[in-house]
Amino acid sequence: MVLATDSSTRTKLGFATYADASNITILEIGTKTELGSKLGRNLVAVAAINDPSLAQEIIRKWESVEN
């Protein structure tokens, strides 16, 4: 799951609770505007990645950027 860094505290808490209970990784990447522009929308606070292979690749690439 991708969560915009400028999402509201309520949004972050709600999705963090869900993700924790469901064993889902959350990455906080970019602002709502930046995430939205990458997905062809105006503002996006949360994006779910349903494809396990794609999700793993995104996590792998994000971790390589972080290190």
Protein backbone atom coordinates (compact mmCIF):
# COMPACT_ATOMS: atom_id res chain seq x y z
CA MET A 1 0.00 0.00 0.00
CA VAL A 2 1.30 3.45 -0.88
CA LEU A 3 0.33 6.31 1.40
CA ALA A 4 1.00 9.97 0.63
CA THR A 5 3.20 11.68 3.20
CA ASP A 6 0.74 14.55 3.57
CA SER A 7 -2.28 12.33 4.22
CA SER A 8 -4.26 13.27 7.30
CA THR A 9 -3.41 11.69 10.62
CA ARG A 10 -6.81 10.00 10.60
CA THR A 11 -6.16 8.48 7.16
CA LYS A 12 -2.69 7.30 8.16
CA LEU A 13 -3.95 5.76 11.40
CA GLY A 14 -6.90 4.05 9.74
CA PHE A 15 -4.83 2.47 7.00
CA ALA A 16 -1.97 1.62 9.36
CA THR A 17 -4.40 -0.27 11.58
CA TYR A 18 -5.84 -2.13 8.59
CA ALA A 19 -2.41 -2.88 7.13
CA ASP A 20 -1.05 -4.12 10.44
CA ALA A 21 -4.00 -6.46 10.94
CA SER A 22 -3.70 -7.72 7.36
CA ASN A 23 0.12 -7.98 7.26
CA ILE A 24 0.36 -5.38 4.49
CA THR A 25 3.42 -3.19 3.98
CA ILE A 26 2.85 0.56 3.82
CA LEU A 27 5.26 2.87 2.03
CA GLU A 28 4.89 6.62 2.52
CA ILE A 29 5.96 8.12 -0.78
CA GLY A 30 5.43 11.66 -2.02
CA THR A 31 2.57 14.04 -1.47
CA LYS A 32 -1.04 13.55 -2.49
CA THR A 33 -0.39 15.77 -5.51
CA GLU A 34 2.73 13.83 -6.54
CA LEU A 35 1.08 10.44 -6.07
CA GLY A 36 -2.01 11.63 -7.93
CA SER A 37 0.00 12.92 -10.87
CA LYS A 38 1.76 9.55 -11.23
CA LEU A 39 -1.63 7.82 -11.30
CA GLY A 40 -3.36 10.28 -13.64
CA ARG A 41 -5.50 11.85 -10.92
CA ASN A 42 -5.55 15.16 -9.05
CA LEU A 43 -4.98 14.08 -5.44
CA VAL A 44 -4.42 10.55 -4.18
CA ALA A 45 -3.86 9.82 -0.49
CA VAL A 46 -3.73 6.01 -0.68
CA ALA A 47 -3.07 3.53 -3.46
CA ALA A 48 -3.36 -0.23 -3.05
CA ILE A 49 -1.14 -2.51 -5.09
CA ASN A 50 -3.08 -5.72 -5.74
CA ASP A 51 -0.44 -7.53 -7.77
CA PRO A 52 1.97 -9.29 -5.35
CA SER A 53 4.87 -9.26 -7.83
CA LEU A 54 4.45 -5.56 -8.52
CA ALA A 55 4.18 -4.83 -4.80
CA GLN A 56 7.42 -6.71 -4.08
CA GLU A 57 9.21 -4.86 -6.88
CA ILE A 58 8.04 -1.48 -5.58
CA ILE A 59 9.18 -2.40 -2.07
CA ARG A 60 12.55 -3.61 -3.38
CA LYS A 61 13.13 -0.44 -5.38
CA TRP A 62 12.02 1.79 -2.50
CA GLU A 63 14.37 0.01 -0.09
CA SER A 64 17.28 0.46 -2.51
CA VAL A 65 16.55 4.21 -2.65
CA GLU A 66 16.33 4.41 1.14
CA ASN A 67 19.75 2.75 1.60
